[in-house]
Protein backbone atom coordinates (compact mmCIF):
# COMPACT_ATOMS: atom_id res chain seq x y z
CA UNK A 1 56.06 -9.60 16.95
CA UNK A 2 56.77 -9.37 13.21
CA UNK A 3 57.82 -13.00 11.65
CA UNK A 4 61.62 -11.11 10.88
CA UNK A 5 62.32 -9.96 14.35
CA UNK A 6 60.93 -13.61 15.86
CA UNK A 7 63.46 -15.87 12.80
CA UNK A 8 66.37 -13.42 14.44
CA UNK A 9 66.09 -13.64 18.18
CA UNK A 10 65.28 -17.80 17.48
CA UNK A 11 68.37 -17.75 15.23
CA UNK A 12 70.45 -15.92 17.44
CA UNK A 13 69.71 -18.36 20.76
CA UNK A 14 70.19 -21.90 18.53
CA UNK A 15 72.38 -21.55 16.26
CA UNK A 16 76.38 -19.56 15.90
CA UNK A 17 77.05 -16.93 13.96
CA UNK A 18 79.40 -17.22 10.83
CA UNK A 19 80.21 -12.78 10.09
CA UNK A 20 83.07 -14.03 7.65
CA UNK A 21 80.86 -16.28 5.77
CA UNK A 22 77.73 -14.46 5.70
CA UNK A 23 77.10 -11.00 3.44
CA UNK A 24 75.93 -8.46 5.63
CA UNK A 25 76.70 -9.32 8.55
CA UNK A 26 73.20 -11.16 9.55
CA UNK A 27 72.23 -13.67 11.42
CA UNK A 28 71.79 -17.03 9.76
CA UNK A 29 69.34 -19.48 10.04
CA UNK A 30 72.16 -23.01 9.53
CA UNK A 31 75.11 -23.85 11.56
CA UNK A 32 77.29 -22.68 9.24
CA UNK A 33 80.29 -24.31 10.45
CA UNK A 34 78.99 -27.71 10.76
CA UNK A 35 78.15 -27.24 6.89
CA UNK A 36 81.13 -26.14 5.90
CA UNK A 37 83.19 -29.54 7.84
CA UNK A 38 80.25 -31.91 6.20
CA UNK A 39 80.81 -30.49 2.58
CA UNK A 40 85.05 -30.75 3.43
CA UNK A 41 84.17 -34.42 4.66
CA UNK A 42 82.42 -34.67 1.14
CA UNK A 43 85.98 -33.57 -0.53
CA UNK A 44 85.49 -30.38 -1.20
CA UNK A 45 88.18 -27.64 -0.19
CA UNK A 46 87.50 -24.86 2.54
CA UNK A 47 86.90 -22.67 -0.12
CA UNK A 48 84.11 -25.02 -1.83
CA UNK A 49 82.85 -25.51 1.75
CA UNK A 50 82.36 -21.81 3.10
CA UNK A 51 80.99 -20.41 -0.33
CA UNK A 52 78.32 -22.85 -1.13
CA UNK A 53 77.95 -22.28 3.03
CA UNK A 54 77.74 -18.73 2.53
CA UNK A 55 75.09 -19.18 -0.56
CA UNK A 56 73.00 -21.33 1.03
CA UNK A 57 72.96 -19.43 4.12
CA UNK A 58 71.60 -16.33 1.71
CA UNK A 59 69.47 -17.90 0.20
CA UNK A 60 67.72 -18.74 3.54
CA UNK A 61 67.76 -15.27 4.53
CA UNK A 62 66.18 -13.92 1.45
CA UNK A 63 63.90 -16.86 1.97
CA UNK A 64 62.90 -15.62 5.12
CA UNK A 65 63.15 -11.56 4.30
CA UNK A 66 59.96 -12.81 1.29
CA UNK A 67 58.23 -14.59 4.21
CA UNK A 68 58.48 -12.20 6.35
CA UNK A 69 57.49 -9.49 4.16
CA UNK A 70 54.22 -11.14 3.49
CA UNK A 71 53.46 -11.06 6.57
CA UNK A 72 51.95 -8.40 8.81
CA UNK A 73 52.59 -7.08 12.33
CA UNK A 74 50.65 -7.34 15.91
CA UNK A 75 50.77 -3.61 15.49
CA UNK A 76 49.44 -3.56 11.95
CA UNK A 77 46.98 -6.23 12.18
CA UNK A 78 45.23 -4.15 15.52
CA UNK A 79 45.19 -0.66 13.49
CA UNK A 80 44.17 -2.70 10.13
CA UNK A 81 41.21 -3.98 12.63
CA UNK A 82 40.23 -1.01 14.18
CA UNK A 83 40.04 0.75 10.47
CA UNK A 84 37.77 -2.51 9.56
CA UNK A 85 35.86 -1.79 12.47
CA UNK A 86 35.99 2.02 12.17
CA UNK A 87 34.97 1.54 8.23
CA UNK A 88 31.56 -1.46 9.68
CA UNK A 89 30.65 1.42 12.48
CA UNK A 90 30.80 3.74 9.62
CA UNK A 91 29.41 1.90 7.37
CA UNK A 92 26.10 0.50 10.11
CA UNK A 93 25.40 4.09 10.75
CA UNK A 94 24.60 5.01 7.00
CA UNK A 95 23.12 2.37 7.30
CA UNK A 96 20.81 3.15 10.60
CA UNK A 97 20.83 6.70 8.43
CA UNK A 98 19.42 5.78 5.46
CA UNK A 99 16.53 3.13 7.01
CA UNK A 100 15.59 5.95 9.36
CA UNK A 101 15.38 8.32 6.50
CA UNK A 102 13.09 5.31 4.39
CA UNK A 103 10.89 5.06 7.12
CA UNK A 104 10.71 8.57 7.80
CA UNK A 105 9.81 8.95 3.84
CA UNK A 106 7.26 5.44 4.42
CA UNK A 107 5.47 7.73 7.18
CA UNK A 108 5.37 11.03 5.17
CA UNK A 109 3.58 8.87 2.30
CA UNK A 110 1.93 6.42 4.77
CA UNK A 111 0.23 10.19 5.92
CA UNK A 112 -0.37 11.64 2.10
CA UNK A 113 -1.93 8.47 1.25
CA UNK A 114 -3.69 8.39 4.36
CA UNK A 115 -4.64 12.27 3.76
CA UNK A 116 -6.00 11.62 0.43
CA UNK A 117 -7.63 9.05 1.42
CA UNK A 118 -9.56 11.12 3.93
CA UNK A 119 -10.04 13.33 0.88
CA UNK A 120 -10.89 11.14 -1.25
CA UNK A 121 -13.62 9.64 1.56
CA UNK A 122 -14.95 13.59 2.14
CA UNK A 123 -16.02 14.24 -1.17
CA UNK A 124 -17.49 10.49 -1.74
CA UNK A 125 -19.66 11.08 1.18
CA UNK A 126 -20.77 15.08 -0.35
CA UNK A 127 -21.64 13.36 -3.63
CA UNK A 128 -23.55 10.46 -1.75
CA UNK A 129 -24.76 13.44 0.02
CA UNK A 130 -25.53 15.39 -2.37
CA UNK A 131 -27.16 12.74 -4.64
CA UNK A 132 -29.19 11.54 -2.29
CA UNK A 133 -30.51 15.17 -1.85
CA UNK A 134 -31.01 15.38 -4.86
CA UNK A 135 -33.10 12.15 -4.77
CA UNK A 136 -34.88 13.07 -2.41
CA UNK A 137 -35.82 16.44 -3.66
CA UNK A 138 -37.11 14.66 -6.98
CA UNK A 139 -39.16 12.08 -4.72
CA UNK A 140 -40.89 14.68 -2.16
CA UNK A 141 -41.16 16.63 -5.98
CA UNK A 142 -42.75 13.90 -7.70
CA UNK A 143 -44.97 13.18 -4.33
CA UNK A 144 -46.72 16.75 -4.47
CA UNK A 145 -47.25 15.95 -8.10
CA UNK A 146 -48.97 13.42 -7.29
CA UNK A 147 -50.79 14.97 -4.73
CA UNK A 148 -51.49 17.25 -6.94
CA UNK A 149 -53.05 15.01 -9.57
CA UNK A 150 -54.77 13.34 -7.28
CA UNK A 151 -56.14 16.32 -5.63
CA UNK A 152 -57.32 17.80 -9.31
CA UNK A 153 -58.35 14.23 -10.24
CA UNK A 154 -60.55 14.33 -6.84
CA UNK A 155 -62.18 17.77 -7.41
CA UNK A 156 -62.84 16.74 -10.51
CA UNK A 157 -64.63 13.67 -9.75
CA UNK A 158 -66.43 15.80 -7.52
CA UNK A 159 -67.41 18.18 -9.84
CA UNK A 160 -68.51 15.45 -11.94
CA UNK A 161 -70.69 13.82 -8.55
CA UNK A 162 -71.98 17.11 -8.06
CA UNK A 163 -73.33 17.25 -11.67
CA UNK A 164 -74.60 14.20 -12.11
CA UNK A 165 -76.46 14.46 -8.28
CA UNK A 166 -77.81 17.48 -10.08
CA UNK A 167 -78.38 16.22 -13.64
CA UNK A 168 -80.03 13.10 -11.46
CA UNK A 169 -82.36 15.35 -8.96
CA UNK A 170 -83.32 17.39 -12.14
CA UNK A 171 -84.33 14.31 -13.87
CA UNK A 172 -86.61 13.36 -10.67
CA UNK A 173 -87.80 16.71 -10.76
CA UNK A 174 -88.94 16.37 -14.44
CA UNK A 175 -89.65 13.01 -14.29
CA UNK A 176 -92.35 14.19 -11.00
CA UNK A 177 -93.40 16.91 -12.57
CA UNK A 178 -94.14 14.20 -15.72
CA UNK A 179 -95.97 12.65 -13.46
CA UNK A 180 -98.11 15.36 -12.27
CA UNK A 181 -99.15 16.14 -15.66
CA UNK A 182 -99.67 12.23 -16.21
CA UNK A 183 -102.24 11.34 -12.86
CA UNK A 184 -103.38 15.53 -14.36
CA UNK A 185 -104.41 14.28 -18.06
CA UNK A 186 -105.94 10.11 -16.83
CA UNK A 187 -108.01 12.51 -13.82
CA UNK A 188 -109.00 14.80 -16.93
CA UNK A 189 -109.39 12.15 -18.94
CA UNK A 190 -111.21 9.98 -17.26
CA UNK A 191 -114.13 12.87 -15.76
CA UNK A 192 -113.96 13.67 -19.21
CA UNK A 193 -115.04 9.79 -20.17
CA UNK A 194 -117.07 10.24 -17.45
CA UNK A 195 -118.98 13.38 -18.05
CA UNK A 196 -119.70 12.25 -21.81
CA UNK A 197 -121.05 8.56 -20.67
CA UNK A 198 -123.26 10.66 -18.27
CA UNK A 199 -124.61 12.52 -21.43
CA UNK A 200 -125.14 9.88 -22.96
CA UNK A 201 -127.25 8.01 -20.36
CA UNK A 202 -129.35 11.42 -20.30
CA UNK A 203 -129.37 11.02 -23.96
CA UNK A 204 -130.59 7.62 -23.70
CA UNK A 205 -133.31 7.83 -21.73
């Protein structure tokens, strides 16, 4: 209930009205008759007492009006609460929408980063495989080159060995031939010396 309406009802229940003292015929908050009589008892005339009572009543009523205007009615308070709740609900909806939007953006960004990482991983694996294949090819080529060098050296060694064997065989043949010649020469020499010796013996006899 509006405070002003409540005050008026209280005034109607607890105090009497004094329409000739209160301008506008408004409800009063004081016992005007008792106040007039008290002022008259203090030595004032009836007109002075009634004038002062009217001023006091007017001031009190204006104060009551001012206080009443500073308050809001229950309906206005409920309406304000409903407006606040609607604004709060709208704010909560905007916050939730913003959170959902940000979460969606975060998910998309996470998926994009995951895709980029997978792409980089694939590219890195390709480069590693490429380098490994190149190194393996170079190693195989080097192995092949080493095999060729070894084969060439083995062939050259075999040729050299065969040449040495042939030279040794030829040298052996020459030695055998020289030995035969020496033996033949020695035998001839011995025969010649024996023949000469026999001839000298015959001569001497």
